[in-house]
Protein backbone atom coordinates (compact mmCIF):
# COMPACT_ATOMS: atom_id res chain seq x y z
CA UNK A 1 78.15 90.36 88.48
CA UNK A 2 78.66 91.90 85.03
CA UNK A 3 81.78 93.57 83.67
CA UNK A 4 84.07 90.54 83.68
CA UNK A 5 84.84 90.55 79.93
CA UNK A 6 86.93 92.86 77.74
CA UNK A 7 87.15 93.07 73.96
CA UNK A 8 84.99 92.28 70.96
CA UNK A 9 86.84 89.92 68.59
CA UNK A 10 89.83 89.15 70.82
CA UNK A 11 87.88 88.81 74.06
CA UNK A 12 89.07 88.08 77.60
CA UNK A 13 86.83 86.96 80.45
CA UNK A 14 88.48 86.67 83.87
CA UNK A 15 87.39 84.92 87.05
CA UNK A 16 88.63 84.29 90.58
CA UNK A 17 89.36 86.16 93.79
CA UNK A 18 92.50 87.25 95.60
CA UNK A 19 92.22 84.51 98.23
CA UNK A 20 90.22 81.91 96.31
CA UNK A 21 91.61 78.65 94.96
CA UNK A 22 92.76 80.22 91.71
CA UNK A 23 92.46 83.07 89.27
CA UNK A 24 91.88 82.41 85.62
CA UNK A 25 90.54 83.45 82.29
CA UNK A 26 89.10 82.47 78.94
CA UNK A 27 90.43 84.07 75.75
CA UNK A 28 88.03 83.84 72.84
CA UNK A 29 88.80 84.88 69.29
CA UNK A 30 92.53 84.17 69.23
CA UNK A 31 93.46 83.13 65.67
CA UNK A 32 94.55 79.52 65.07
CA UNK A 33 98.07 78.47 64.17
CA UNK A 34 100.03 80.87 66.37
CA UNK A 35 103.09 79.15 67.85
CA UNK A 36 103.10 80.42 71.42
CA UNK A 37 106.25 81.48 73.19
CA UNK A 38 105.53 80.17 76.69
CA UNK A 39 108.80 81.61 78.01
CA UNK A 40 107.58 85.08 77.03
CA UNK A 41 104.33 84.49 78.93
CA UNK A 42 106.32 83.33 81.97
CA UNK A 43 108.51 86.45 81.86
CA UNK A 44 105.47 88.73 81.77
CA UNK A 45 104.02 86.96 84.81
CA UNK A 46 107.31 87.27 86.67
CA UNK A 47 107.27 91.02 86.04
CA UNK A 48 103.82 91.38 87.61
CA UNK A 49 104.00 88.85 90.44
CA UNK A 50 104.22 89.90 94.10
CA UNK A 51 107.34 89.48 96.25
CA UNK A 52 109.83 90.39 93.51
CA UNK A 53 111.65 93.18 95.40
CA UNK A 54 111.82 95.03 98.71
CA UNK A 55 109.54 97.83 97.47
CA UNK A 56 106.48 95.69 96.70
CA UNK A 57 104.15 93.39 98.64
CA UNK A 58 105.97 90.37 100.09
CA UNK A 59 103.19 87.91 99.27
CA UNK A 60 104.97 84.97 97.63
CA UNK A 61 103.16 83.57 94.60
CA UNK A 62 104.76 81.58 91.79
CA UNK A 63 102.04 82.80 89.40
CA UNK A 64 102.50 79.76 87.19
CA UNK A 65 99.93 79.51 84.41
CA UNK A 66 98.18 76.23 83.67
CA UNK A 67 96.60 76.18 80.20
CA UNK A 68 93.51 73.99 79.97
CA UNK A 69 92.30 74.37 76.39
CA UNK A 70 92.76 76.05 73.03
CA UNK A 71 96.39 74.99 72.55
CA UNK A 72 97.66 71.84 70.81
CA UNK A 73 101.32 70.98 70.26
CA UNK A 74 102.28 74.51 71.22
CA UNK A 75 99.95 76.22 68.75
CA UNK A 76 96.64 77.98 69.19
CA UNK A 77 93.69 76.06 67.73
CA UNK A 78 91.27 78.96 67.32
CA UNK A 79 89.05 77.64 70.12
CA UNK A 80 88.74 79.34 73.54
CA UNK A 81 92.01 79.36 75.49
CA UNK A 82 91.23 78.51 79.10
CA UNK A 83 93.81 78.94 81.86
CA UNK A 84 94.16 79.11 85.63
CA UNK A 85 96.72 80.64 88.00
CA UNK A 86 96.60 78.84 91.38
CA UNK A 87 96.74 80.93 94.55
CA UNK A 88 99.32 79.24 96.77
CA UNK A 89 100.15 81.80 99.47
CA UNK A 90 96.86 83.13 100.83
CA UNK A 91 96.86 84.51 104.36
CA UNK A 92 93.18 85.21 104.81
CA UNK A 93 93.58 85.78 108.57
CA UNK A 94 95.38 89.05 107.71
CA UNK A 95 91.94 90.41 106.79
CA UNK A 96 89.86 89.14 109.72
CA UNK A 97 90.01 92.59 111.32
CA UNK A 98 88.06 94.15 108.42
CA UNK A 99 85.30 91.52 108.26
CA UNK A 100 82.82 94.01 109.72
CA UNK A 101 84.48 97.29 108.71
CA UNK A 102 85.29 99.12 105.50
CA UNK A 103 88.76 100.27 104.53
CA UNK A 104 88.88 103.95 103.46
CA UNK A 105 89.02 104.48 99.67
CA UNK A 106 88.62 100.74 98.99
CA UNK A 107 85.72 98.98 97.25
CA UNK A 108 84.59 97.34 100.53
CA UNK A 109 81.65 99.63 101.29
CA UNK A 110 80.25 99.97 97.78
CA UNK A 111 80.56 96.23 97.05
CA UNK A 112 78.55 95.34 100.13
CA UNK A 113 75.91 97.97 99.39
CA UNK A 114 75.60 96.88 95.75
CA UNK A 115 75.66 93.10 96.13
CA UNK A 116 74.68 92.57 99.76
CA UNK A 117 77.77 90.41 100.27
CA UNK A 118 81.54 90.81 99.91
CA UNK A 119 84.66 88.72 100.11
CA UNK A 120 86.72 90.70 102.62
CA UNK A 121 89.85 88.55 102.11
CA UNK A 122 92.12 90.93 100.23
CA UNK A 123 89.14 92.57 98.57
CA UNK A 124 88.07 89.40 96.76
CA UNK A 125 87.21 90.23 93.16
CA UNK A 126 88.16 93.90 93.60
CA UNK A 127 91.76 92.96 94.42
CA UNK A 128 94.51 93.97 92.00
CA UNK A 129 95.47 90.28 91.99
CA UNK A 130 92.77 89.86 89.31
CA UNK A 131 95.16 91.57 86.89
CA UNK A 132 97.33 88.45 86.75
CA UNK A 133 94.81 87.01 84.28
CA UNK A 134 95.07 90.15 82.15
CA UNK A 135 98.84 89.76 81.92
CA UNK A 136 98.48 86.20 80.59
CA UNK A 137 96.05 87.37 77.91
CA UNK A 138 98.18 90.41 77.13
CA UNK A 139 101.25 88.24 76.63
CA UNK A 140 99.33 86.21 74.04
CA UNK A 141 97.94 89.39 72.44
CA UNK A 142 101.51 90.65 71.99
CA UNK A 143 102.27 87.50 70.00
CA UNK A 144 99.23 88.12 67.80
CA UNK A 145 100.56 91.62 67.07
CA UNK A 146 104.05 90.34 66.14
CA UNK A 147 106.02 93.43 65.03
CA UNK A 148 104.31 95.95 67.31
CA UNK A 149 106.53 97.03 70.21
CA UNK A 150 104.92 97.99 73.53
CA UNK A 151 107.12 99.50 76.25
CA UNK A 152 105.73 100.91 79.49
CA UNK A 153 107.81 102.37 82.30
CA UNK A 154 107.47 104.31 85.55
CA UNK A 155 107.77 108.00 84.70
CA UNK A 156 107.05 109.42 88.16
CA UNK A 157 106.74 108.47 91.82
CA UNK A 158 105.25 111.15 94.04
CA UNK A 159 106.99 114.40 93.11
CA UNK A 160 109.95 112.66 91.38
CA UNK A 161 109.61 112.79 87.57
CA UNK A 162 111.66 111.81 84.54
CA UNK A 163 112.43 115.11 82.82
CA UNK A 164 113.37 113.68 79.41
CA UNK A 165 111.14 112.90 76.41
CA UNK A 166 110.68 109.19 75.79
CA UNK A 167 112.76 109.40 72.59
CA UNK A 168 115.85 110.03 74.72
CA UNK A 169 115.31 107.04 77.00
CA UNK A 170 116.85 103.59 76.64
CA UNK A 171 113.97 101.12 77.03
CA UNK A 172 116.44 98.27 77.55
CA UNK A 173 117.11 99.70 81.02
CA UNK A 174 113.48 99.48 82.18
CA UNK A 175 114.04 96.09 83.82
CA UNK A 176 117.44 97.04 85.25
CA UNK A 177 115.98 98.31 88.52
CA UNK A 178 113.01 97.39 90.77
CA UNK A 179 111.17 100.64 90.01
CA UNK A 180 111.13 99.91 86.25
CA UNK A 181 112.33 103.39 85.34
CA UNK A 182 114.67 103.65 82.31
CA UNK A 183 116.51 106.66 83.78
CA UNK A 184 118.71 104.87 86.31
CA UNK A 185 119.57 108.02 88.27
CA UNK A 186 115.92 108.99 88.68
CA UNK A 187 115.12 105.34 89.45
CA UNK A 188 117.48 105.41 92.44
CA UNK A 189 115.69 108.48 93.81
CA UNK A 190 112.30 106.84 93.28
CA UNK A 191 113.38 103.63 95.02
CA UNK A 192 114.71 105.51 98.03
CA UNK A 193 111.50 107.54 98.27
CA UNK A 194 109.33 104.41 98.18
CA UNK A 195 111.43 102.82 100.95
CA UNK A 196 111.06 105.93 103.11
CA UNK A 197 107.31 105.96 102.57
CA UNK A 198 107.12 102.27 103.44
CA UNK A 199 108.95 102.87 106.76
CA UNK A 200 106.26 105.41 107.64
CA UNK A 201 103.53 102.83 107.07
CA UNK A 202 102.27 105.04 104.25
CA UNK A 203 101.92 104.75 100.46
CA UNK A 204 102.65 106.88 97.40
CA UNK A 205 101.30 107.11 93.85
CA UNK A 206 102.90 107.75 90.49
CA UNK A 207 102.55 107.58 86.73
CA UNK A 208 103.35 105.07 84.01
CA UNK A 209 104.13 106.11 80.45
CA UNK A 210 103.52 103.65 77.62
CA UNK A 211 105.02 103.90 74.12
CA UNK A 212 103.69 101.73 71.28
CA UNK A 213 105.74 101.57 68.08
CA UNK A 214 105.25 100.04 64.63
CA UNK A 215 101.46 100.32 64.86
CA UNK A 216 99.83 99.89 61.44
CA UNK A 217 97.67 102.70 60.08
CA UNK A 218 93.95 102.14 60.43
CA UNK A 219 93.34 100.66 63.89
CA UNK A 220 90.28 102.12 65.58
CA UNK A 221 86.92 103.38 64.39
CA UNK A 222 85.30 106.81 64.34
CA UNK A 223 82.64 108.03 66.79
CA UNK A 224 82.24 105.69 69.80
CA UNK A 225 84.96 103.08 69.14
CA UNK A 226 87.91 105.43 68.81
CA UNK A 227 91.28 103.81 69.49
CA UNK A 228 92.17 106.31 72.21
CA UNK A 229 88.75 105.85 73.83
CA UNK A 230 89.30 102.10 74.08
CA UNK A 231 92.83 102.60 75.40
CA UNK A 232 91.42 105.00 78.00
CA UNK A 233 88.78 102.47 79.06
CA UNK A 234 91.41 99.74 79.27
CA UNK A 235 93.72 101.80 81.47
CA UNK A 236 90.94 103.14 83.69
CA UNK A 237 89.79 99.56 84.32
CA UNK A 238 93.10 98.85 86.12
CA UNK A 239 92.97 99.05 89.91
CA UNK A 240 94.08 102.39 91.42
CA UNK A 241 94.13 104.29 88.09
CA UNK A 242 92.90 107.87 88.42
CA UNK A 243 93.76 109.40 85.07
CA UNK A 244 94.68 108.82 81.41
CA UNK A 245 96.10 111.16 78.79
CA UNK A 246 97.56 110.51 75.34
CA UNK A 247 99.66 112.60 73.00
CA UNK A 248 99.87 116.19 74.21
CA UNK A 249 97.19 115.37 76.81
CA UNK A 250 96.20 118.17 79.16
CA UNK A 251 99.21 120.23 78.07
CA UNK A 252 97.60 120.48 74.63
CA UNK A 253 94.79 122.54 76.16
CA UNK A 254 97.30 125.35 76.78
CA UNK A 255 98.48 125.54 73.17
CA UNK A 256 97.36 127.35 70.03
CA UNK A 257 96.34 125.36 66.97
CA UNK A 258 99.32 126.69 65.06
CA UNK A 259 101.56 125.17 67.73
CA UNK A 260 99.66 121.92 68.13
CA UNK A 261 98.98 120.79 64.56
CA UNK A 262 101.18 117.92 63.34
CA UNK A 263 102.33 118.93 59.85
CA UNK A 264 102.75 116.21 57.23
CA UNK A 265 105.81 114.86 55.48
CA UNK A 266 105.39 113.71 51.88
CA UNK A 267 105.22 110.05 52.96
CA UNK A 268 102.26 110.64 55.27
CA UNK A 269 104.27 110.71 58.49
CA UNK A 270 104.18 113.89 60.55
CA UNK A 271 106.95 116.30 61.57
CA UNK A 272 105.72 116.31 65.19
CA UNK A 273 103.47 113.89 67.06
CA UNK A 274 101.34 115.82 69.49
CA UNK A 275 98.42 113.70 68.25
CA UNK A 276 100.04 110.73 69.99
CA UNK A 277 99.78 108.47 66.95
CA UNK A 278 95.99 108.72 66.75
CA UNK A 279 93.87 111.06 64.62
CA UNK A 280 90.10 110.90 64.35
CA UNK A 281 90.20 107.87 66.63
CA UNK A 282 92.33 105.91 64.12
CA UNK A 283 96.05 105.08 64.31
CA UNK A 284 98.17 107.06 61.84
CA UNK A 285 101.35 104.97 61.96
CA UNK A 286 103.27 107.27 64.30
CA UNK A 287 104.23 106.21 67.84
CA UNK A 288 101.28 105.96 70.20
CA UNK A 289 102.18 107.25 73.64
CA UNK A 290 100.10 107.85 76.74
CA UNK A 291 100.40 108.34 80.48
CA UNK A 292 98.44 106.66 83.26
CA UNK A 293 98.11 108.08 86.78
CA UNK A 294 97.93 105.74 89.80
CA UNK A 295 96.74 106.83 93.22
CA UNK A 296 98.54 105.86 96.45
CA UNK A 297 97.58 102.36 97.61
CA UNK A 298 94.60 102.70 99.97
CA UNK A 299 95.75 100.21 102.64
CA UNK A 300 98.07 101.94 105.13
CA UNK A 301 100.07 100.24 107.87
CA UNK A 302 99.15 103.06 110.23
CA UNK A 303 96.03 103.96 112.19
CA UNK A 304 93.09 105.60 110.42
CA UNK A 305 89.46 106.26 111.17
CA UNK A 306 86.93 104.19 109.25
CA UNK A 307 83.33 103.00 109.25
CA UNK A 308 82.01 99.62 110.42
CA UNK A 309 78.85 97.75 109.48
CA UNK A 310 77.04 99.16 112.53
CA UNK A 311 77.51 102.70 111.25
CA UNK A 312 80.16 103.50 113.84
CA UNK A 313 83.37 105.44 113.23
CA UNK A 314 86.19 103.27 114.55
CA UNK A 315 89.98 103.16 114.42
CA UNK A 316 91.73 100.58 112.27
CA UNK A 317 95.23 99.76 111.04
CA UNK A 318 96.10 97.79 107.94
CA UNK A 319 97.76 94.41 108.37
CA UNK A 320 99.42 91.92 106.08
CA UNK A 321 101.40 92.35 102.87
CA UNK A 322 100.73 95.42 100.74
CA UNK A 323 102.49 97.50 98.11
CA UNK A 324 103.78 100.88 99.35
CA UNK A 325 103.69 101.95 95.69
CA UNK A 326 101.80 100.01 93.04
CA UNK A 327 103.34 101.54 89.91
CA UNK A 328 106.40 99.26 89.47
CA UNK A 329 104.21 96.13 89.35
CA UNK A 330 101.59 97.87 87.19
CA UNK A 331 103.99 98.34 84.26
CA UNK A 332 103.30 94.90 82.70
CA UNK A 333 99.56 95.36 83.37
CA UNK A 334 99.52 98.59 81.37
CA UNK A 335 101.36 96.84 78.54
CA UNK A 336 98.95 93.90 78.68
CA UNK A 337 95.84 96.06 78.45
CA UNK A 338 97.35 98.06 75.58
CA UNK A 339 98.08 94.80 73.76
CA UNK A 340 94.50 93.57 74.27
CA UNK A 341 93.10 96.77 72.75
CA UNK A 342 95.43 96.69 69.75
CA UNK A 343 94.95 92.97 69.10
CA UNK A 344 91.18 93.43 69.18
CA UNK A 345 91.26 96.25 66.61
CA UNK A 346 93.87 94.42 64.52
CA UNK A 347 91.62 91.38 64.22
CA UNK A 348 88.59 93.59 63.49
CA UNK A 349 90.54 95.06 60.56
CA UNK A 350 91.29 91.51 59.34
CA UNK A 351 87.55 90.84 59.24
CA UNK A 352 86.97 93.94 57.08
CA UNK A 353 89.72 93.06 54.60
């Protein structure tokens, strides 16, 4: 199976399945001599882990990282950083009912048709649990970037949206509620909506906005390796993501050029930032901001029609522990993937200098 690695200079390869012995990864290209903040890595994993509130899956995993290589006396050595995250709370029997059937809008059917075999326990490799390895690597990438600030937050759940620009939000409040929305009043509405959806055995989608500040000028390359193209690929590689837009996004398509152009200040900054901090595929020093759309989780705790391996339409109902809304737990994943992209381009620039 290809497609298990991400990045060029700062490169992550992940392995493991949702209900296997462990997940893990290998980070290649991390510079030597970085004193790692292991508490920061732990905090990132706690933000992503299951069972953290009443509005997410109740699977209980400690998500403790065991580093196997590439670190000596708390510092990176420049050699590959290997790590594992043991799975300690698998309940594979929860998936016995789908051994011979395919969940609607999941990867079950296409995996079996492509590879001739699939791990039906939680989706195996297609499970969002794989993203735990990305969060480890992203936490290290953030430490490579040092002064760059990456803040992602839930900006909508279903039809409930934050109606303020990000400049008016207090990012310190993102972790003050289980939805991870910095507008506490909107967060309360979102949380209540998710709980109502959960009672119905249904799911709901939403969006995450990410703001990246203090980005140096010059990250990204023209033509195929544009910074926004790599960010788009990174976000679209996350489970359940259906859309990506940066800067003015789709709203920019409604505007005239005279309205959309970001006019310069004498110091090279711009009076507006509809470009989203990226011009010509290269960072311009302004804030980078983008939005990621997540679909409703496909597993419903209610009856649906589906297809089995005999080609029959049957009735099934999801069982086990599932997120009614994935966006709160996806916030640190979005940040991690953004950090991986930026660290990769940052180190590429170091090579050129």
